[in-house]
Amino acid sequence: MNKIIKIIFFGIFFCFSTQVSSKETITYAHLIDPSLEGLLYAIKKKIVTSDTVNVEAKALAIPALIQSTPTKRFDVIMNAVMAIPLAKKRGLDLIVLSTALRAGSTREGGSVWVKTDSPYKSMKDLKGKTIGNYALRATGTTWIRIALWKAHGMNVSYKGGDMNWVQLPAPTLLGALETGRVDAATLIHSQAYAASKSGKYRTIAETSKDIYKLFGVDTVSAVNVSYPDKLKARPEAFKEFNRMLKASVDYAVANPRKVGEEIGKTNKISPEFFKAWLTRFSFFPAVVSGNDVKSMETVWQNAKEMGIIKKYPAGNSVVWKHAIRE
């Protein structure tokens, strides 16, 4: 009898271990940001699961994301929209699985901030002044420059333009504005939220709103991309990854306070900011819309006019045929 029980036990264990080992792993590299941890919360806490795929997510700083892209170290990597034509120029094709950062529903991101008691009332007043920025080559900054150029009539060239652009570490920008090291600043979302709550700062340009008025699209600054060979080899696994990512985002949107409180235990983020991030400053759709495609082409076309790139692909040509469409 004991022998029969052992046979049954090992049979069950073998079947279980085979099911576990049969799962495929999709590795995903994303930007280090507490808000993104919130969006992945349901996956990491096994609230969103899969019978066929395990997701291994890793947070990286921008330089590490850039360095990892050509190595194909990760199956999916969060990348700048401007990286697509620049990579293609070097012979590397990046395929969009989903949109990662789109302007929030109230389009409060991408604003230019000054101190409340400053004499500056419009962008024209900043001619000859200094503007602080978190990353001069970022797609988000390119969007800001397009808006200041086409909606406010500013010469946004880094050399000989109307303003002196200074790149500073993102966490130092509010301090630089407060002490007068810079006259104005473009703030990352957490600092923009802090600035809006303090009453010590105000905006003189809201570029995400400007872009929507100019082009009828919301700014898209980052996308989740993979590579043609990886997608061809394991299409079903990548489809399942897309489903899981969307489900995790949906969970965060439905439970912003709970998720905000949980990630706030290990990150410097409040539940209030997480909810504000989801609606006011940015959003992580985990899908691709027709307007997202138009948005990518819009920033590429204007970047070409600015001399940043010489050519760019058609938007739909770089979106995976199995991407979740909105």
C-alpha atoms as a PDB file:
ATOM      1  CA  MET A   1       0.000   0.000   0.000  1.00  0.00           C
ATOM      2  CA  ASN A   2       2.810   2.416   0.904  1.00  0.00           C
ATOM      3  CA  LYS A   3       4.418   1.726  -2.463  1.00  0.00           C
ATOM      4  CA  ILE A   4       1.182   2.587  -4.281  1.00  0.00           C
ATOM      5  CA  ILE A   5       0.838   5.813  -2.294  1.00  0.00           C
ATOM      6  CA  LYS A   6       4.415   6.777  -3.173  1.00  0.00           C
ATOM      7  CA  ILE A   7       3.778   6.126  -6.849  1.00  0.00           C
ATOM      8  CA  ILE A   8       0.639   8.275  -6.781  1.00  0.00           C
ATOM      9  CA  PHE A   9       2.439  11.055  -4.863  1.00  0.00           C
ATOM     10  CA  PHE A  10       5.382  11.185  -7.238  1.00  0.00           C
ATOM     11  CA  GLY A  11       3.014  11.062 -10.202  1.00  0.00           C
ATOM     12  CA  ILE A  12       1.117  14.082  -8.928  1.00  0.00           C
ATOM     13  CA  PHE A  13       4.372  15.900  -8.083  1.00  0.00           C
ATOM     14  CA  PHE A  14       5.763  15.151 -11.552  1.00  0.00           C
ATOM     15  CA  CYS A  15       2.652  16.504 -13.263  1.00  0.00           C
ATOM     16  CA  PHE A  16       2.684  19.635 -11.104  1.00  0.00           C
ATOM     17  CA  SER A  17       6.378  20.322 -11.638  1.00  0.00           C
ATOM     18  CA  THR A  18       5.976  19.769 -15.373  1.00  0.00           C
ATOM     19  CA  GLN A  19       3.170  22.352 -15.477  1.00  0.00           C
ATOM     20  CA  VAL A  20       5.285  24.864 -13.569  1.00  0.00           C
ATOM     21  CA  SER A  21       8.386  24.332 -15.681  1.00  0.00           C
ATOM     22  CA  SER A  22       6.381  24.555 -18.894  1.00  0.00           C
ATOM     23  CA  LYS A  23       5.687  28.225 -18.262  1.00  0.00           C
ATOM     24  CA  GLU A  24       7.617  30.606 -20.469  1.00  0.00           C
ATOM     25  CA  THR A  25       9.343  33.652 -19.018  1.00  0.00           C
ATOM     26  CA  ILE A  26       9.068  37.136 -20.491  1.00  0.00           C
ATOM     27  CA  THR A  27      11.630  39.581 -19.121  1.00  0.00           C
ATOM     28  CA  TYR A  28      10.529  43.211 -18.960  1.00  0.00           C
ATOM     29  CA  ALA A  29      12.735  46.233 -18.266  1.00  0.00           C
ATOM     30  CA  HIS A  30      10.999  49.461 -17.294  1.00  0.00           C
ATOM     31  CA  LEU A  31      11.969  52.867 -15.986  1.00  0.00           C
ATOM     32  CA  ILE A  32      12.671  53.184 -12.263  1.00  0.00           C
ATOM     33  CA  ASP A  33       9.604  55.019 -10.980  1.00  0.00           C
ATOM     34  CA  PRO A  34       7.311  54.349  -8.001  1.00  0.00           C
ATOM     35  CA  SER A  35       4.235  54.889 -10.170  1.00  0.00           C
ATOM     36  CA  LEU A  36       5.303  52.108 -12.503  1.00  0.00           C
ATOM     37  CA  GLU A  37       5.706  49.819  -9.509  1.00  0.00           C
ATOM     38  CA  GLY A  38       2.064  50.552  -8.818  1.00  0.00           C
ATOM     39  CA  LEU A  39       1.039  49.570 -12.314  1.00  0.00           C
ATOM     40  CA  LEU A  40       2.916  46.264 -11.991  1.00  0.00           C
ATOM     41  CA  TYR A  41       1.642  45.620  -8.472  1.00  0.00           C
ATOM     42  CA  ALA A  42      -1.021  43.096  -9.517  1.00  0.00           C
ATOM     43  CA  ILE A  43       1.524  41.050 -11.488  1.00  0.00           C
ATOM     44  CA  LYS A  44       4.152  41.104  -8.744  1.00  0.00           C
ATOM     45  CA  LYS A  45       1.606  40.170  -6.060  1.00  0.00           C
ATOM     46  CA  LYS A  46       0.174  37.334  -8.198  1.00  0.00           C
ATOM     47  CA  ILE A  47      -3.216  38.991  -8.432  1.00  0.00           C
ATOM     48  CA  VAL A  48      -2.822  38.803 -12.212  1.00  0.00           C
ATOM     49  CA  THR A  49      -1.450  35.415 -13.202  1.00  0.00           C
ATOM     50  CA  SER A  50      -1.088  33.191 -16.249  1.00  0.00           C
ATOM     51  CA  ASP A  51      -1.062  29.463 -16.900  1.00  0.00           C
ATOM     52  CA  THR A  52       1.579  29.869 -19.575  1.00  0.00           C
ATOM     53  CA  VAL A  53       3.773  32.897 -18.806  1.00  0.00           C
ATOM     54  CA  ASN A  54       5.851  34.279 -15.955  1.00  0.00           C
ATOM     55  CA  VAL A  55       6.769  37.970 -16.084  1.00  0.00           C
ATOM     56  CA  GLU A  56      10.107  39.033 -14.641  1.00  0.00           C
ATOM     57  CA  ALA A  57      10.116  42.822 -14.354  1.00  0.00           C
ATOM     58  CA  LYS A  58      13.230  44.845 -13.636  1.00  0.00           C
ATOM     59  CA  ALA A  59      13.425  48.592 -12.972  1.00  0.00           C
ATOM     60  CA  LEU A  60      16.325  50.421 -14.631  1.00  0.00           C
ATOM     61  CA  ALA A  61      17.554  53.994 -14.861  1.00  0.00           C
ATOM     62  CA  ILE A  62      17.422  55.679 -18.276  1.00  0.00           C
ATOM     63  CA  PRO A  63      21.134  55.075 -19.100  1.00  0.00           C
ATOM     64  CA  ALA A  64      20.736  51.369 -18.351  1.00  0.00           C
ATOM     65  CA  LEU A  65      17.610  51.158 -20.516  1.00  0.00           C
ATOM     66  CA  ILE A  66      19.499  52.808 -23.376  1.00  0.00           C
ATOM     67  CA  GLN A  67      22.465  50.473 -22.980  1.00  0.00           C
ATOM     68  CA  SER A  68      20.257  47.374 -22.779  1.00  0.00           C
ATOM     69  CA  THR A  69      18.252  48.117 -25.922  1.00  0.00           C
ATOM     70  CA  PRO A  70      20.813  47.054 -28.589  1.00  0.00           C
ATOM     71  CA  THR A  71      21.918  44.011 -26.566  1.00  0.00           C
ATOM     72  CA  LYS A  72      18.401  42.512 -26.635  1.00  0.00           C
ATOM     73  CA  ARG A  73      18.977  41.457 -23.053  1.00  0.00           C
ATOM     74  CA  PHE A  74      15.298  41.842 -22.222  1.00  0.00           C
ATOM     75  CA  ASP A  75      12.315  40.482 -24.150  1.00  0.00           C
ATOM     76  CA  VAL A  76      10.368  43.722 -23.689  1.00  0.00           C
ATOM     77  CA  ILE A  77      11.852  47.079 -22.803  1.00  0.00           C
ATOM     78  CA  MET A  78      10.269  50.438 -22.061  1.00  0.00           C
ATOM     79  CA  ASN A  79      11.790  52.946 -24.430  1.00  0.00           C
ATOM     80  CA  ALA A  80      11.456  56.491 -25.701  1.00  0.00           C
ATOM     81  CA  VAL A  81       9.368  57.116 -28.819  1.00  0.00           C
ATOM     82  CA  MET A  82      12.342  58.973 -30.323  1.00  0.00           C
ATOM     83  CA  ALA A  83      14.455  55.833 -29.874  1.00  0.00           C
ATOM     84  CA  ILE A  84      12.576  54.058 -32.679  1.00  0.00           C
ATOM     85  CA  PRO A  85      13.819  56.109 -35.680  1.00  0.00           C
ATOM     86  CA  LEU A  86      17.239  56.561 -34.056  1.00  0.00           C
ATOM     87  CA  ALA A  87      17.621  52.791 -33.572  1.00  0.00           C
ATOM     88  CA  LYS A  88      16.388  52.094 -37.090  1.00  0.00           C
ATOM     89  CA  LYS A  89      19.114  54.393 -38.410  1.00  0.00           C
ATOM     90  CA  ARG A  90      21.616  52.028 -36.748  1.00  0.00           C
ATOM     91  CA  GLY A  91      19.975  48.931 -38.213  1.00  0.00           C
ATOM     92  CA  LEU A  92      17.972  47.940 -35.122  1.00  0.00           C
ATOM     93  CA  ASP A  93      14.226  47.448 -35.539  1.00  0.00           C
ATOM     94  CA  LEU A  94      12.078  48.093 -32.474  1.00  0.00           C
ATOM     95  CA  ILE A  95       8.483  46.876 -32.543  1.00  0.00           C
ATOM     96  CA  VAL A  96       5.833  48.547 -30.371  1.00  0.00           C
ATOM     97  CA  LEU A  97       3.799  46.224 -28.171  1.00  0.00           C
ATOM     98  CA  SER A  98       1.964  48.962 -26.279  1.00  0.00           C
ATOM     99  CA  THR A  99       1.983  52.598 -25.269  1.00  0.00           C
ATOM    100  CA  ALA A 100       3.777  53.195 -21.966  1.00  0.00           C
ATOM    101  CA  LEU A 101       3.443  56.919 -21.252  1.00  0.00           C
ATOM    102  CA  ARG A 102       0.612  59.025 -22.660  1.00  0.00           C
ATOM    103  CA  ALA A 103      -0.534  62.426 -21.379  1.00  0.00           C
ATOM    104  CA  GLY A 104      -3.040  62.166 -18.545  1.00  0.00           C
ATOM    105  CA  SER A 105      -6.693  62.954 -19.121  1.00  0.00           C
ATOM    106  CA  THR A 106      -6.340  66.511 -17.753  1.00  0.00           C
ATOM    107  CA  ARG A 107      -3.045  67.045 -19.648  1.00  0.00           C
ATOM    108  CA  GLU A 108      -1.188  68.676 -16.760  1.00  0.00           C
ATOM    109  CA  GLY A 109       2.193  67.209 -17.643  1.00  0.00           C
ATOM    110  CA  GLY A 110       4.897  69.050 -19.549  1.00  0.00           C
ATOM    111  CA  SER A 111       4.210  72.412 -17.967  1.00  0.00           C
ATOM    112  CA  VAL A 112       6.743  75.213 -17.547  1.00  0.00           C
ATOM    113  CA  TRP A 113       6.866  76.382 -13.922  1.00  0.00           C
ATOM    114  CA  VAL A 114       7.993  79.641 -12.296  1.00  0.00           C
ATOM    115  CA  LYS A 115       7.804  80.960  -8.730  1.00  0.00           C
ATOM    116  CA  THR A 116       4.464  82.508  -7.834  1.00  0.00           C
ATOM    117  CA  ASP A 117       6.051  85.876  -7.107  1.00  0.00           C
ATOM    118  CA  SER A 118       8.214  85.946 -10.253  1.00  0.00           C
ATOM    119  CA  PRO A 119       7.673  88.738 -12.811  1.00  0.00           C
ATOM    120  CA  TYR A 120       7.208  86.267 -15.684  1.00  0.00           C
ATOM    121  CA  LYS A 121       3.671  86.098 -17.063  1.00  0.00           C
ATOM    122  CA  SER A 122       4.230  84.328 -20.391  1.00  0.00           C
ATOM    123  CA  MET A 123       6.903  82.432 -22.291  1.00  0.00           C
ATOM    124  CA  LYS A 124       7.869  85.644 -24.094  1.00  0.00           C
ATOM    125  CA  ASP A 125       9.026  87.005 -20.735  1.00  0.00           C
ATOM    126  CA  LEU A 126      11.563  84.164 -20.543  1.00  0.00           C
ATOM    127  CA  LYS A 127      13.579  85.371 -23.536  1.00  0.00           C
ATOM    128  CA  GLY A 128      17.188  85.527 -22.436  1.00  0.00           C
ATOM    129  CA  LYS A 129      16.392  83.631 -19.228  1.00  0.00           C
ATOM    130  CA  THR A 130      17.406  80.177 -17.986  1.00  0.00           C
ATOM    131  CA  ILE A 131      15.096  77.159 -18.033  1.00  0.00           C
ATOM    132  CA  GLY A 132      15.943  74.028 -16.074  1.00  0.00           C
ATOM    133  CA  ASN A 133      15.174  70.621 -17.543  1.00  0.00           C
ATOM    134  CA  TYR A 134      15.528  66.977 -16.434  1.00  0.00           C
ATOM    135  CA  ALA A 135      16.781  65.499 -19.757  1.00  0.00           C
ATOM    136  CA  LEU A 136      17.390  67.616 -22.839  1.00  0.00           C
ATOM    137  CA  ARG A 137      17.299  64.658 -25.240  1.00  0.00           C
ATOM    138  CA  ALA A 138      14.174  63.031 -23.788  1.00  0.00           C
ATOM    139  CA  THR A 139      11.081  62.589 -25.937  1.00  0.00           C
ATOM    140  CA  GLY A 140       9.091  64.456 -23.289  1.00  0.00           C
ATOM    141  CA  THR A 141      11.415  67.430 -23.680  1.00  0.00           C
ATOM    142  CA  THR A 142      11.085  67.245 -27.463  1.00  0.00           C
ATOM    143  CA  TRP A 143       7.316  67.540 -27.048  1.00  0.00           C
ATOM    144  CA  ILE A 144       7.784  70.561 -24.767  1.00  0.00           C
ATOM    145  CA  ARG A 145      10.058  72.247 -27.288  1.00  0.00           C
ATOM    146  CA  ILE A 146       7.584  71.615 -30.119  1.00  0.00           C
ATOM    147  CA  ALA A 147       4.801  73.286 -28.104  1.00  0.00           C
ATOM    148  CA  LEU A 148       6.944  76.265 -27.114  1.00  0.00           C
ATOM    149  CA  TRP A 149       7.982  76.661 -30.746  1.00  0.00           C
ATOM    150  CA  LYS A 150       4.634  76.272 -32.479  1.00  0.00           C
ATOM    151  CA  ALA A 151       2.199  77.509 -29.834  1.00  0.00           C
ATOM    152  CA  HIS A 152       4.279  80.220 -28.156  1.00  0.00           C
ATOM    153  CA  GLY A 153       6.542  81.340 -30.994  1.00  0.00           C
ATOM    154  CA  MET A 154       9.784  80.642 -29.152  1.00  0.00           C
ATOM    155  CA  ASN A 155      13.135  79.782 -30.705  1.00  0.00           C
ATOM    156  CA  VAL A 156      13.829  76.566 -28.781  1.00  0.00           C
ATOM    157  CA  SER A 157      17.260  75.806 -30.220  1.00  0.00           C
ATOM    158  CA  TYR A 158      19.781  74.762 -27.600  1.00  0.00           C
ATOM    159  CA  LYS A 159      22.342  76.977 -29.309  1.00  0.00           C
ATOM    160  CA  GLY A 160      21.402  80.575 -29.996  1.00  0.00           C
ATOM    161  CA  GLY A 161      17.752  80.136 -29.018  1.00  0.00           C
ATOM    162  CA  ASP A 162      15.536  82.403 -26.942  1.00  0.00           C
ATOM    163  CA  MET A 163      16.348  80.610 -23.661  1.00  0.00           C
ATOM    164  CA  ASN A 164      19.354  79.085 -22.008  1.00  0.00           C
ATOM    165  CA  TRP A 165      18.476  75.421 -21.426  1.00  0.00           C
ATOM    166  CA  VAL A 166      20.209  73.786 -18.450  1.00  0.00           C
ATOM    167  CA  GLN A 167      20.006  70.067 -17.684  1.00  0.00           C
ATOM    168  CA  LEU A 168      19.887  69.270 -13.981  1.00  0.00           C
ATOM    169  CA  PRO A 169      19.138  66.091 -12.004  1.00  0.00           C
ATOM    170  CA  ALA A 170      15.351  65.856 -11.793  1.00  0.00           C
ATOM    171  CA  PRO A 171      15.144  65.910  -7.963  1.00  0.00           C
ATOM    172  CA  THR A 172      17.075  69.207  -7.844  1.00  0.00           C
ATOM    173  CA  LEU A 173      14.874  71.222 -10.194  1.00  0.00           C
ATOM    174  CA  LEU A 174      12.453  72.604  -7.617  1.00  0.00           C
ATOM    175  CA  GLY A 175      15.359  73.636  -5.421  1.00  0.00           C
ATOM    176  CA  ALA A 176      17.054  75.336  -8.357  1.00  0.00           C
ATOM    177  CA  LEU A 177      13.848  77.228  -9.091  1.00  0.00           C
ATOM    178  CA  GLU A 178      13.391  78.192  -5.443  1.00  0.00           C
ATOM    179  CA  THR A 179      16.948  79.547  -5.089  1.00  0.00           C
ATOM    180  CA  GLY A 180      16.910  81.387  -8.419  1.00  0.00           C
ATOM    181  CA  ARG A 181      19.532  79.206 -10.065  1.00  0.00           C
ATOM    182  CA  VAL A 182      17.022  78.893 -12.922  1.00  0.00           C
ATOM    183  CA  ASP A 183      14.209  81.268 -13.871  1.00  0.00           C
ATOM    184  CA  ALA A 184      11.805  78.523 -14.943  1.00  0.00           C
ATOM    185  CA  ALA A 185      11.729  74.729 -14.992  1.00  0.00           C
ATOM    186  CA  THR A 186      10.059  71.756 -16.591  1.00  0.00           C
ATOM    187  CA  LEU A 187       9.337  69.390 -13.703  1.00  0.00           C
ATOM    188  CA  ILE A 188       8.961  65.637 -13.469  1.00  0.00           C
ATOM    189  CA  HIS A 189       5.508  64.498 -12.346  1.00  0.00           C
ATOM    190  CA  SER A 190       6.189  64.075  -8.627  1.00  0.00           C
ATOM    191  CA  GLN A 191       7.723  67.550  -8.427  1.00  0.00           C
ATOM    192  CA  ALA A 192       4.920  69.080 -10.496  1.00  0.00           C
ATOM    193  CA  TYR A 193       2.462  67.549  -8.030  1.00  0.00           C
ATOM    194  CA  ALA A 194       4.448  68.952  -5.096  1.00  0.00           C
ATOM    195  CA  ALA A 195       4.651  72.367  -6.768  1.00  0.00           C
ATOM    196  CA  SER A 196       0.895  72.451  -7.364  1.00  0.00           C
ATOM    197  CA  LYS A 197       0.196  71.542  -3.735  1.00  0.00           C
ATOM    198  CA  SER A 198       2.618  74.084  -2.251  1.00  0.00           C
ATOM    199  CA  GLY A 199       1.121  77.259  -3.706  1.00  0.00           C
ATOM    200  CA  LYS A 200       4.649  78.615  -4.175  1.00  0.00           C
ATOM    201  CA  TYR A 201       4.776  77.999  -7.927  1.00  0.00           C
ATOM    202  CA  ARG A 202       2.614  78.512 -11.016  1.00  0.00           C
ATOM    203  CA  THR A 203       2.660  77.525 -14.663  1.00  0.00           C
ATOM    204  CA  ILE A 204       3.151  79.897 -17.579  1.00  0.00           C
ATOM    205  CA  ALA A 205       2.794  77.232 -20.275  1.00  0.00           C
ATOM    206  CA  GLU A 206       0.933  73.933 -20.289  1.00  0.00           C
ATOM    207  CA  THR A 207       2.491  72.199 -23.234  1.00  0.00           C
ATOM    208  CA  SER A 208       0.481  68.964 -23.197  1.00  0.00           C
ATOM    209  CA  LYS A 209      -2.647  71.076 -23.651  1.00  0.00           C
ATOM    210  CA  ASP A 210      -0.873  73.098 -26.354  1.00  0.00           C
ATOM    211  CA  ILE A 211       0.019  69.925 -28.260  1.00  0.00           C
ATOM    212  CA  TYR A 212      -3.570  68.690 -28.138  1.00  0.00           C
ATOM    213  CA  LYS A 213      -4.830  72.024 -29.464  1.00  0.00           C
ATOM    214  CA  LEU A 214      -2.200  72.069 -32.209  1.00  0.00           C
ATOM    215  CA  PHE A 215      -2.389  68.487 -33.437  1.00  0.00           C
ATOM    216  CA  GLY A 216      -5.428  66.831 -31.862  1.00  0.00           C
ATOM    217  CA  VAL A 217      -3.337  64.159 -30.165  1.00  0.00           C
ATOM    218  CA  ASP A 218      -2.096  63.492 -26.663  1.00  0.00           C
ATOM    219  CA  THR A 219       1.645  63.347 -26.219  1.00  0.00           C
ATOM    220  CA  VAL A 220       3.136  59.847 -26.182  1.00  0.00           C
ATOM    221  CA  SER A 221       6.670  59.821 -24.843  1.00  0.00           C
ATOM    222  CA  ALA A 222       7.390  56.142 -24.138  1.00  0.00           C
ATOM    223  CA  VAL A 223       6.391  52.764 -25.522  1.00  0.00           C
ATOM    224  CA  ASN A 224       7.023  49.119 -24.687  1.00  0.00           C
ATOM    225  CA  VAL A 225       9.039  47.543 -27.480  1.00  0.00           C
ATOM    226  CA  SER A 226      10.482  44.197 -28.479  1.00  0.00           C
ATOM    227  CA  TYR A 227      12.392  42.800 -31.451  1.00  0.00           C
ATOM    228  CA  PRO A 228      11.178  41.072 -34.641  1.00  0.00           C
ATOM    229  CA  ASP A 229      13.134  37.857 -34.012  1.00  0.00           C
ATOM    230  CA  LYS A 230      11.863  37.497 -30.448  1.00  0.00           C
ATOM    231  CA  LEU A 231       8.254  38.134 -31.473  1.00  0.00           C
ATOM    232  CA  LYS A 232       8.460  35.657 -34.333  1.00  0.00           C
ATOM    233  CA  ALA A 233       9.893  32.950 -32.091  1.00  0.00           C
ATOM    234  CA  ARG A 234       7.280  33.196 -29.289  1.00  0.00           C
ATOM    235  CA  PRO A 235       4.198  35.126 -30.419  1.00  0.00           C
ATOM    236  CA  GLU A 236       1.782  33.462 -27.969  1.00  0.00           C
ATOM    237  CA  ALA A 237       3.993  34.277 -24.995  1.00  0.00           C
ATOM    238  CA  PHE A 238       4.153  37.942 -25.978  1.00  0.00           C
ATOM    239  CA  LYS A 239       0.383  38.038 -26.507  1.00  0.00           C
ATOM    240  CA  GLU A 240      -0.043  36.723 -22.976  1.00  0.00           C
ATOM    241  CA  PHE A 241       2.436  39.269 -21.638  1.00  0.00           C
ATOM    242  CA  ASN A 242       0.376  42.050 -23.225  1.00  0.00           C
ATOM    243  CA  ARG A 243      -2.794  40.663 -21.652  1.00  0.00           C
ATOM    244  CA  MET A 244      -1.206  40.449 -18.203  1.00  0.00           C
ATOM    245  CA  LEU A 245       0.244  43.952 -18.395  1.00  0.00           C
ATOM    246  CA  LYS A 246      -3.118  45.426 -19.381  1.00  0.00           C
ATOM    247  CA  ALA A 247      -4.870  43.495 -16.593  1.00  0.00           C
ATOM    248  CA  SER A 248      -2.350  44.764 -14.039  1.00  0.00           C
ATOM    249  CA  VAL A 249      -2.880  48.362 -15.165  1.00  0.00           C
ATOM    250  CA  ASP A 250      -6.649  47.891 -15.013  1.00  0.00           C
ATOM    251  CA  TYR A 251      -6.312  46.643 -11.428  1.00  0.00           C
ATOM    252  CA  ALA A 252      -4.296  49.723 -10.421  1.00  0.00           C
ATOM    253  CA  VAL A 253      -6.812  52.056 -12.058  1.00  0.00           C
ATOM    254  CA  ALA A 254      -9.676  50.319 -10.232  1.00  0.00           C
ATOM    255  CA  ASN A 255      -7.836  50.339  -6.879  1.00  0.00           C
ATOM    256  CA  PRO A 256      -5.626  53.469  -6.822  1.00  0.00           C
ATOM    257  CA  ARG A 257      -5.733  54.056  -3.065  1.00  0.00           C
ATOM    258  CA  LYS A 258      -5.015  50.454  -2.121  1.00  0.00           C
ATOM    259  CA  VAL A 259      -2.173  50.171  -4.613  1.00  0.00           C
ATOM    260  CA  GLY A 260      -0.853  53.624  -3.689  1.00  0.00           C
ATOM    261  CA  GLU A 261      -0.777  52.687  -0.002  1.00  0.00           C
ATOM    262  CA  GLU A 262       0.988  49.402  -0.704  1.00  0.00           C
ATOM    263  CA  ILE A 263       3.740  50.840  -2.888  1.00  0.00           C
ATOM    264  CA  GLY A 264       4.063  53.797  -0.526  1.00  0.00           C
ATOM    265  CA  LYS A 265       5.393  51.417   2.132  1.00  0.00           C
ATOM    266  CA  THR A 266       8.642  50.963   0.198  1.00  0.00           C
ATOM    267  CA  ASN A 267       8.669  54.015  -2.084  1.00  0.00           C
ATOM    268  CA  LYS A 268       8.491  57.763  -1.512  1.00  0.00           C
ATOM    269  CA  ILE A 269       5.010  58.101  -2.941  1.00  0.00           C
ATOM    270  CA  SER A 270       1.607  58.916  -1.463  1.00  0.00           C
ATOM    271  CA  PRO A 271      -1.695  57.322  -2.476  1.00  0.00           C
ATOM    272  CA  GLU A 272      -2.887  60.803  -3.448  1.00  0.00           C
ATOM    273  CA  PHE A 273       0.015  61.294  -5.839  1.00  0.00           C
ATOM    274  CA  PHE A 274      -0.420  57.857  -7.399  1.00  0.00           C
ATOM    275  CA  LYS A 275      -4.058  58.654  -8.168  1.00  0.00           C
ATOM    276  CA  ALA A 276      -3.072  62.090  -9.511  1.00  0.00           C
ATOM    277  CA  TRP A 277      -0.357  60.541 -11.661  1.00  0.00           C
ATOM    278  CA  LEU A 278      -2.875  58.177 -13.246  1.00  0.00           C
ATOM    279  CA  THR A 279      -5.196  60.987 -14.284  1.00  0.00           C
ATOM    280  CA  ARG A 280      -3.535  64.388 -14.229  1.00  0.00           C
ATOM    281  CA  PHE A 281       0.048  63.959 -15.365  1.00  0.00           C
ATOM    282  CA  SER A 282       0.445  60.730 -17.272  1.00  0.00           C
ATOM    283  CA  PHE A 283      -1.060  57.359 -18.016  1.00  0.00           C
ATOM    284  CA  PHE A 284       0.213  53.912 -18.925  1.00  0.00           C
ATOM    285  CA  PRO A 285      -2.391  52.560 -21.379  1.00  0.00           C
ATOM    286  CA  ALA A 286      -0.767  49.149 -22.095  1.00  0.00           C
ATOM    287  CA  VAL A 287      -2.572  49.272 -25.458  1.00  0.00           C
ATOM    288  CA  VAL A 288      -2.072  51.121 -28.742  1.00  0.00           C
ATOM    289  CA  SER A 289      -4.668  53.550 -30.085  1.00  0.00           C
ATOM    290  CA  GLY A 290      -4.927  55.160 -33.490  1.00  0.00           C
ATOM    291  CA  ASN A 291      -4.135  58.495 -31.848  1.00  0.00           C
ATOM    292  CA  ASP A 292      -1.029  56.980 -30.241  1.00  0.00           C
ATOM    293  CA  VAL A 293       0.230  56.084 -33.710  1.00  0.00           C
ATOM    294  CA  LYS A 294      -0.580  59.587 -34.933  1.00  0.00           C
ATOM    295  CA  SER A 295       1.182  61.018 -31.883  1.00  0.00           C
ATOM    296  CA  MET A 296       4.372  59.103 -32.660  1.00  0.00           C
ATOM    297  CA  GLU A 297       4.357  60.340 -36.232  1.00  0.00           C
ATOM    298  CA  THR A 298       3.665  63.889 -35.033  1.00  0.00           C
ATOM    299  CA  VAL A 299       6.698  64.043 -32.757  1.00  0.00           C
ATOM    300  CA  TRP A 300       8.881  62.425 -35.439  1.00  0.00           C
ATOM    301  CA  GLN A 301       7.736  64.862 -38.121  1.00  0.00           C
ATOM    302  CA  ASN A 302       8.404  67.873 -35.911  1.00  0.00           C
ATOM    303  CA  ALA A 303      11.714  66.414 -34.738  1.00  0.00           C
ATOM    304  CA  LYS A 304      12.676  66.153 -38.398  1.00  0.00           C
ATOM    305  CA  GLU A 305      11.776  69.818 -38.892  1.00  0.00           C
ATOM    306  CA  MET A 306      13.964  70.637 -35.907  1.00  0.00           C
ATOM    307  CA  GLY A 307      16.879  68.677 -37.381  1.00  0.00           C
ATOM    308  CA  ILE A 308      16.916  66.013 -34.670  1.00  0.00           C
ATOM    309  CA  ILE A 309      16.284  63.166 -37.141  1.00  0.00           C
ATOM    310  CA  LYS A 310      16.430  62.932 -40.931  1.00  0.00           C
ATOM    311  CA  LYS A 311      13.729  60.347 -41.532  1.00  0.00           C
ATOM    312  CA  TYR A 312      11.234  58.193 -39.692  1.00  0.00           C
ATOM    313  CA  PRO A 313       9.028  55.151 -40.385  1.00  0.00           C
ATOM    314  CA  ALA A 314       5.258  55.071 -40.783  1.00  0.00           C
ATOM    315  CA  GLY A 315       3.719  54.689 -37.348  1.00  0.00           C
ATOM    316  CA  ASN A 316       1.673  51.578 -38.092  1.00  0.00           C
ATOM    317  CA  SER A 317       4.709  49.844 -39.591  1.00  0.00           C
ATOM    318  CA  VAL A 318       6.383  49.644 -36.172  1.00  0.00           C
ATOM    319  CA  VAL A 319       3.332  48.415 -34.201  1.00  0.00           C
ATOM    320  CA  TRP A 320       3.121  44.666 -33.624  1.00  0.00           C
ATOM    321  CA  LYS A 321       0.268  43.038 -35.505  1.00  0.00           C
ATOM    322  CA  HIS A 322      -0.923  41.357 -32.287  1.00  0.00           C
ATOM    323  CA  ALA A 323      -0.798  44.493 -30.116  1.00  0.00           C
ATOM    324  CA  ILE A 324      -3.936  45.180 -28.103  1.00  0.00           C
ATOM    325  CA  ARG A 325      -5.668  47.997 -29.981  1.00  0.00           C
ATOM    326  CA  GLU A 326      -7.820  50.657 -28.402  1.00  0.00           C
END
